Amino acid sequence: MTAAQDPRPRRRAPQQLLFGFLGALVLDRGHPPIGSRVFLQLLADLGVAEAAGRATLARMTRKGLLHRVREGRTARFALTPRAERLLREATPRVRSPEPFTPPGDEWTLLSYSMPESRRDLRHQIRARLIWAGFGGLRDGLWIAPGRVDIGTIFDGPEFAGLAGLADAFHSVPAASTDVPKLLHRAWDVPAIRAEHEAFIAAWASGHDGGRPLPLLTLLGADWLQLLRTDPGLPAAHLPDDWPAAASTALYRERYDALEPAAFAQLRDLLREDAGRR
């Protein structure tokens, strides 16, 4: 893909790109382990050098996201149970027709403390909190729109025993609470708007000249980034021209247009790769 075909002059990390690809076209599709050639060709089409692509595959393997197997001189990769769990956790919101609309008028408040012996998990829990829609209200206190199932944040063997360190409440704001002000305290609302506007600007044109597989990978990576940025703030406390609905409609339109051809292109690459065994 040339720079002119790339819908946005914005750097995406190779791992972000691969998560977009794996979630859209690999999870639950029944593919056998995929050869490194396929991953490297996809990343090369997206402007990622071979050395960086190989380093990304190695890093994701070390992190327990990919399982590496050898077939002769060929390295092949499959999703690990951990990666499948992470992608499945994201799937309902990725595919939701209203991913930025909170369910109901309640809020979830969460307070937790991390023991010094488990400081290595702090970044992972923070990433899960952000994905679940939480913003930091003040030190140790997080808030999210809607009713969030706290158990899913601490799910997984690596978090065993940590759920008991969290206290959560479902509540509604008191009448005297300035909710728009609270939103700006817990989230960077202008930055959320800017992320929506950048997504819309990037994908508003059709990009008919690009290859569908790299484009769908880019679309998936950008959509995941937008979902991480916008927790789904209540529309009643946002400006009338809030762009979340426009972003959602555009994503669905582009995904539906690209997915059949992208899947066919991947199938051809897998068939070609299998012939090299």
Protein backbone atom coordinates (compact mmCIF):
# COMPACT_ATOMS: atom_id res chain seq x y z
CA MET A 1 0.00 0.00 0.00
CA THR A 2 1.39 3.37 -0.97
CA ALA A 3 1.27 6.42 1.25
CA ALA A 4 -1.48 7.82 -0.98
CA GLN A 5 -3.62 4.75 -0.37
CA ASP A 6 -3.12 4.87 3.40
CA PRO A 7 -6.22 6.71 4.67
CA ARG A 8 -4.34 8.57 7.40
CA PRO A 9 -0.70 9.65 7.77
CA ARG A 10 -0.64 8.28 11.31
CA ARG A 11 1.72 5.74 12.75
CA ARG A 12 0.08 2.52 13.90
CA ALA A 13 2.24 0.15 15.96
CA PRO A 14 2.65 -3.25 14.26
CA GLN A 15 0.99 -4.99 17.21
CA GLN A 16 -2.05 -2.71 16.85
CA LEU A 17 -2.25 -3.64 13.19
CA LEU A 18 -2.03 -7.36 13.93
CA PHE A 19 -4.75 -7.12 16.57
CA GLY A 20 -6.98 -5.44 13.99
CA PHE A 21 -6.24 -8.26 11.55
CA LEU A 22 -6.61 -11.09 14.07
CA GLY A 23 -9.90 -9.79 15.43
CA ALA A 24 -11.46 -9.17 12.03
CA LEU A 25 -10.28 -12.16 10.00
CA VAL A 26 -8.67 -14.84 12.19
CA LEU A 27 -10.63 -15.24 15.43
CA ASP A 28 -13.16 -18.10 15.12
CA ARG A 29 -12.57 -18.38 11.35
CA GLY A 30 -11.12 -21.92 11.52
CA HIS A 31 -7.77 -21.10 9.93
CA PRO A 32 -4.81 -23.42 10.60
CA PRO A 33 -1.67 -21.81 12.08
CA ILE A 34 -0.68 -18.98 9.75
CA GLY A 35 2.81 -18.83 8.27
CA SER A 36 5.09 -15.95 9.12
CA ARG A 37 5.20 -15.07 5.39
CA VAL A 38 1.53 -14.07 5.51
CA PHE A 39 1.99 -11.82 8.53
CA LEU A 40 5.14 -10.26 7.11
CA GLN A 41 3.51 -9.65 3.70
CA LEU A 42 0.52 -7.99 5.35
CA LEU A 43 2.74 -5.76 7.50
CA ALA A 44 4.94 -4.95 4.50
CA ASP A 45 1.83 -3.79 2.61
CA LEU A 46 1.22 -1.47 5.56
CA GLY A 47 4.72 -0.02 5.48
CA VAL A 48 6.25 -2.14 8.27
CA ALA A 49 9.79 -3.34 7.58
CA GLU A 50 10.46 -7.08 7.72
CA ALA A 51 12.76 -6.77 10.75
CA ALA A 52 10.09 -4.88 12.68
CA GLY A 53 7.47 -7.43 11.62
CA ARG A 54 9.58 -10.36 12.82
CA ALA A 55 10.30 -8.55 16.08
CA THR A 56 6.56 -8.00 16.59
CA LEU A 57 5.76 -11.68 16.05
CA ALA A 58 8.51 -12.64 18.51
CA ARG A 59 7.30 -10.12 21.08
CA MET A 60 3.67 -11.25 20.82
CA THR A 61 4.85 -14.84 21.25
CA ARG A 62 6.81 -13.95 24.40
CA LYS A 63 3.76 -12.13 25.77
CA GLY A 64 1.62 -15.22 25.33
CA LEU A 65 -0.55 -13.79 22.54
CA LEU A 66 0.69 -16.05 19.73
CA HIS A 67 1.72 -19.70 19.79
CA ARG A 68 4.65 -20.48 17.47
CA VAL A 69 5.09 -23.86 15.79
CA ARG A 70 7.70 -25.04 13.33
CA GLU A 71 6.93 -26.89 10.10
CA GLY A 72 10.27 -27.62 8.55
CA ARG A 73 11.89 -24.24 7.97
CA THR A 74 8.58 -22.38 8.27
CA ALA A 75 7.36 -20.71 11.43
CA ARG A 76 3.59 -20.65 11.88
CA PHE A 77 1.52 -18.82 14.45
CA ALA A 78 -1.86 -19.42 16.10
CA LEU A 79 -3.82 -17.46 18.67
CA THR A 80 -3.24 -18.52 22.26
CA PRO A 81 -6.19 -18.97 24.66
CA ARG A 82 -5.21 -15.65 26.27
CA ALA A 83 -5.33 -13.82 22.93
CA GLU A 84 -8.66 -15.44 22.06
CA ARG A 85 -10.05 -14.32 25.42
CA LEU A 86 -8.89 -10.73 24.89
CA LEU A 87 -10.30 -10.58 21.37
CA ARG A 88 -13.63 -12.12 22.45
CA GLU A 89 -13.90 -9.58 25.26
CA ALA A 90 -13.60 -6.84 22.65
CA THR A 91 -15.92 -8.42 20.07
CA PRO A 92 -19.33 -7.38 21.51
CA ARG A 93 -18.38 -3.71 21.54
CA VAL A 94 -16.53 -3.89 18.21
CA ARG A 95 -19.66 -5.27 16.55
CA SER A 96 -22.24 -3.34 18.56
CA PRO A 97 -24.59 -1.10 16.54
CA GLU A 98 -24.31 1.46 19.38
CA PRO A 99 -20.85 1.01 20.94
CA PHE A 100 -20.79 4.54 22.37
CA THR A 101 -24.22 4.43 24.04
CA PRO A 102 -24.09 3.50 27.74
CA PRO A 103 -26.73 1.04 28.95
CA GLY A 104 -29.00 3.01 31.26
CA ASP A 105 -28.45 6.02 33.47
CA GLU A 106 -26.34 4.35 36.16
CA TRP A 107 -22.62 4.69 36.69
CA THR A 108 -20.04 2.28 38.05
CA LEU A 109 -17.60 3.48 40.71
CA LEU A 110 -14.52 1.37 41.39
CA SER A 111 -11.78 1.63 43.97
CA TYR A 112 -8.95 -0.87 44.13
CA SER A 113 -5.45 -1.17 45.53
CA MET A 114 -2.59 -3.15 44.04
CA PRO A 115 -0.24 -4.94 46.45
CA GLU A 116 3.44 -4.23 45.95
CA SER A 117 4.03 -7.90 45.14
CA ARG A 118 1.74 -7.59 42.07
CA ARG A 119 2.92 -4.27 40.67
CA ASP A 120 3.79 -6.07 37.42
CA LEU A 121 0.05 -6.33 36.67
CA ARG A 122 -0.72 -2.64 37.19
CA HIS A 123 -0.41 -1.76 33.49
CA GLN A 124 -2.59 -4.71 32.42
CA ILE A 125 -5.36 -3.81 34.86
CA ARG A 126 -5.21 -0.16 33.82
CA ALA A 127 -5.56 -1.21 30.16
CA ARG A 128 -8.58 -3.35 31.05
CA LEU A 129 -10.16 -0.51 33.01
CA ILE A 130 -9.77 1.87 30.07
CA TRP A 131 -11.23 -0.72 27.66
CA ALA A 132 -14.18 -1.23 30.05
CA GLY A 133 -14.89 2.51 29.87
CA PHE A 134 -13.35 3.74 33.11
CA GLY A 135 -11.79 7.14 33.61
CA GLY A 136 -9.75 8.23 36.60
CA LEU A 137 -11.81 10.52 38.82
CA ARG A 138 -9.06 10.87 41.44
CA ASP A 139 -6.29 8.72 42.89
CA GLY A 140 -7.61 5.20 43.38
CA LEU A 141 -11.15 6.04 42.24
CA TRP A 142 -12.42 5.18 38.76
CA ILE A 143 -15.79 5.84 37.14
CA ALA A 144 -17.51 4.39 34.05
CA PRO A 145 -20.88 5.03 32.42
CA GLY A 146 -23.38 2.18 32.75
CA ARG A 147 -23.23 -1.02 34.78
CA VAL A 148 -19.82 -2.61 34.30
CA ASP A 149 -19.23 -6.23 35.29
CA ILE A 150 -16.14 -5.83 37.45
CA GLY A 151 -15.51 -9.59 37.37
CA THR A 152 -14.49 -9.39 33.72
CA ILE A 153 -11.70 -6.91 34.54
CA PHE A 154 -10.07 -9.29 36.99
CA ASP A 155 -10.83 -12.43 34.96
CA GLY A 156 -7.92 -14.67 34.03
CA PRO A 157 -5.38 -16.76 35.93
CA GLU A 158 -2.86 -13.92 36.07
CA PHE A 159 -5.31 -11.88 38.17
CA ALA A 160 -6.22 -14.66 40.61
CA GLY A 161 -7.07 -13.26 44.04
CA LEU A 162 -7.11 -9.61 42.97
CA ALA A 163 -10.89 -9.22 42.59
CA GLY A 164 -11.21 -9.19 46.37
CA LEU A 165 -9.10 -6.04 46.50
CA ALA A 166 -11.66 -4.04 44.51
CA ASP A 167 -14.79 -2.30 45.79
CA ALA A 168 -17.44 -1.36 43.23
CA PHE A 169 -20.77 0.43 43.36
CA HIS A 170 -23.53 1.07 40.84
CA SER A 171 -25.10 4.47 41.43
CA VAL A 172 -26.71 7.56 39.94
CA PRO A 173 -25.43 11.14 40.33
CA ALA A 174 -27.03 13.31 42.99
CA ALA A 175 -29.15 16.17 41.66
CA SER A 176 -26.47 18.66 42.69
CA THR A 177 -23.72 16.91 40.66
CA ASP A 178 -22.47 18.80 37.63
CA VAL A 179 -22.18 15.77 35.35
CA PRO A 180 -20.63 17.58 32.33
CA LYS A 181 -17.93 18.93 34.64
CA LEU A 182 -17.40 15.43 36.03
CA LEU A 183 -16.96 14.08 32.50
CA HIS A 184 -14.23 16.60 31.79
CA ARG A 185 -12.51 15.68 35.05
CA ALA A 186 -12.44 11.94 34.38
CA TRP A 187 -11.85 12.05 30.60
CA ASP A 188 -10.20 14.34 28.08
CA VAL A 189 -13.45 15.10 26.26
CA PRO A 190 -11.87 17.34 23.57
CA ALA A 191 -9.37 14.57 22.82
CA ILE A 192 -12.22 12.06 22.46
CA ARG A 193 -13.96 14.35 19.98
CA ALA A 194 -10.69 14.81 18.10
CA GLU A 195 -10.25 11.03 17.84
CA HIS A 196 -13.74 10.70 16.33
CA GLU A 197 -13.08 13.51 13.89
CA ALA A 198 -9.75 12.00 12.86
CA PHE A 199 -11.44 8.62 12.27
CA ILE A 200 -14.15 10.22 10.14
CA ALA A 201 -11.63 12.26 8.16
CA ALA A 202 -9.52 9.16 7.54
CA TRP A 203 -12.31 6.89 6.33
CA ALA A 204 -14.82 9.26 4.74
CA SER A 205 -13.48 8.58 1.25
CA GLY A 206 -13.93 5.15 -0.31
CA HIS A 207 -10.23 4.20 -0.75
CA ASP A 208 -11.21 2.09 -3.74
CA GLY A 209 -7.63 1.97 -5.00
CA GLY A 210 -6.28 0.11 -1.96
CA ARG A 211 -5.98 -3.61 -1.42
CA PRO A 212 -8.87 -4.80 0.80
CA LEU A 213 -6.86 -6.89 3.28
CA PRO A 214 -4.47 -4.11 4.38
CA LEU A 215 -7.33 -1.60 4.39
CA LEU A 216 -9.52 -3.79 6.59
CA THR A 217 -6.56 -4.29 8.92
CA LEU A 218 -6.09 -0.52 9.17
CA LEU A 219 -9.80 -0.01 9.71
CA GLY A 220 -9.85 -2.58 12.53
CA ALA A 221 -6.81 -1.03 14.23
CA ASP A 222 -8.30 2.48 14.01
CA TRP A 223 -11.68 1.30 15.29
CA LEU A 224 -10.12 -0.44 18.30
CA GLN A 225 -8.18 2.73 19.07
CA LEU A 226 -11.38 4.80 18.92
CA LEU A 227 -13.20 2.34 21.19
CA ARG A 228 -10.37 2.56 23.70
CA THR A 229 -10.53 6.36 23.62
CA ASP A 230 -14.30 6.86 23.90
CA PRO A 231 -15.91 4.96 26.81
CA GLY A 232 -19.42 5.80 25.64
CA LEU A 233 -20.21 9.03 27.45
CA PRO A 234 -23.94 9.81 27.93
CA ALA A 235 -25.27 11.87 25.04
CA ALA A 236 -27.45 13.93 27.41
CA HIS A 237 -24.30 15.56 28.77
CA LEU A 238 -22.55 16.11 25.42
CA PRO A 239 -22.99 18.68 22.63
CA ASP A 240 -25.73 18.01 20.08
CA ASP A 241 -23.13 17.59 17.32
CA TRP A 242 -21.21 14.85 19.15
CA PRO A 243 -19.70 12.66 16.36
CA ALA A 244 -20.02 9.17 17.84
CA ALA A 245 -23.03 8.15 15.74
CA ALA A 246 -21.31 9.30 12.54
CA SER A 247 -18.18 7.29 13.42
CA THR A 248 -20.23 4.17 14.06
CA ALA A 249 -22.17 4.42 10.80
CA LEU A 250 -18.96 5.00 8.86
CA TYR A 251 -17.18 2.03 10.45
CA ARG A 252 -20.07 -0.33 9.68
CA GLU A 253 -20.26 0.90 6.08
CA ARG A 254 -16.53 0.52 5.48
CA TYR A 255 -16.30 -2.86 7.23
CA ASP A 256 -19.21 -4.32 5.26
CA ALA A 257 -17.69 -3.05 2.00
CA LEU A 258 -14.18 -4.39 2.69
CA GLU A 259 -14.69 -7.66 4.58
CA PRO A 260 -15.74 -10.03 1.74
CA ALA A 261 -12.85 -9.06 -0.54
CA ALA A 262 -10.37 -8.96 2.38
CA PHE A 263 -11.36 -12.47 3.44
CA ALA A 264 -11.00 -13.70 -0.14
CA GLN A 265 -7.55 -12.11 -0.38
CA LEU A 266 -6.49 -13.75 2.88
CA ARG A 267 -7.79 -17.11 1.68
CA ASP A 268 -5.64 -16.79 -1.45
CA LEU A 269 -2.58 -15.90 0.63
CA LEU A 270 -3.16 -18.89 2.91
CA ARG A 271 -3.57 -21.22 -0.08
CA GLU A 272 -0.37 -19.89 -1.63
CA ASP A 273 1.46 -20.21 1.68
CA ALA A 274 0.26 -23.80 2.15
CA GLY A 275 1.64 -24.68 -1.29
CA ARG A 276 5.12 -23.72 -0.10
CA ARG A 277 5.21 -26.30 2.66
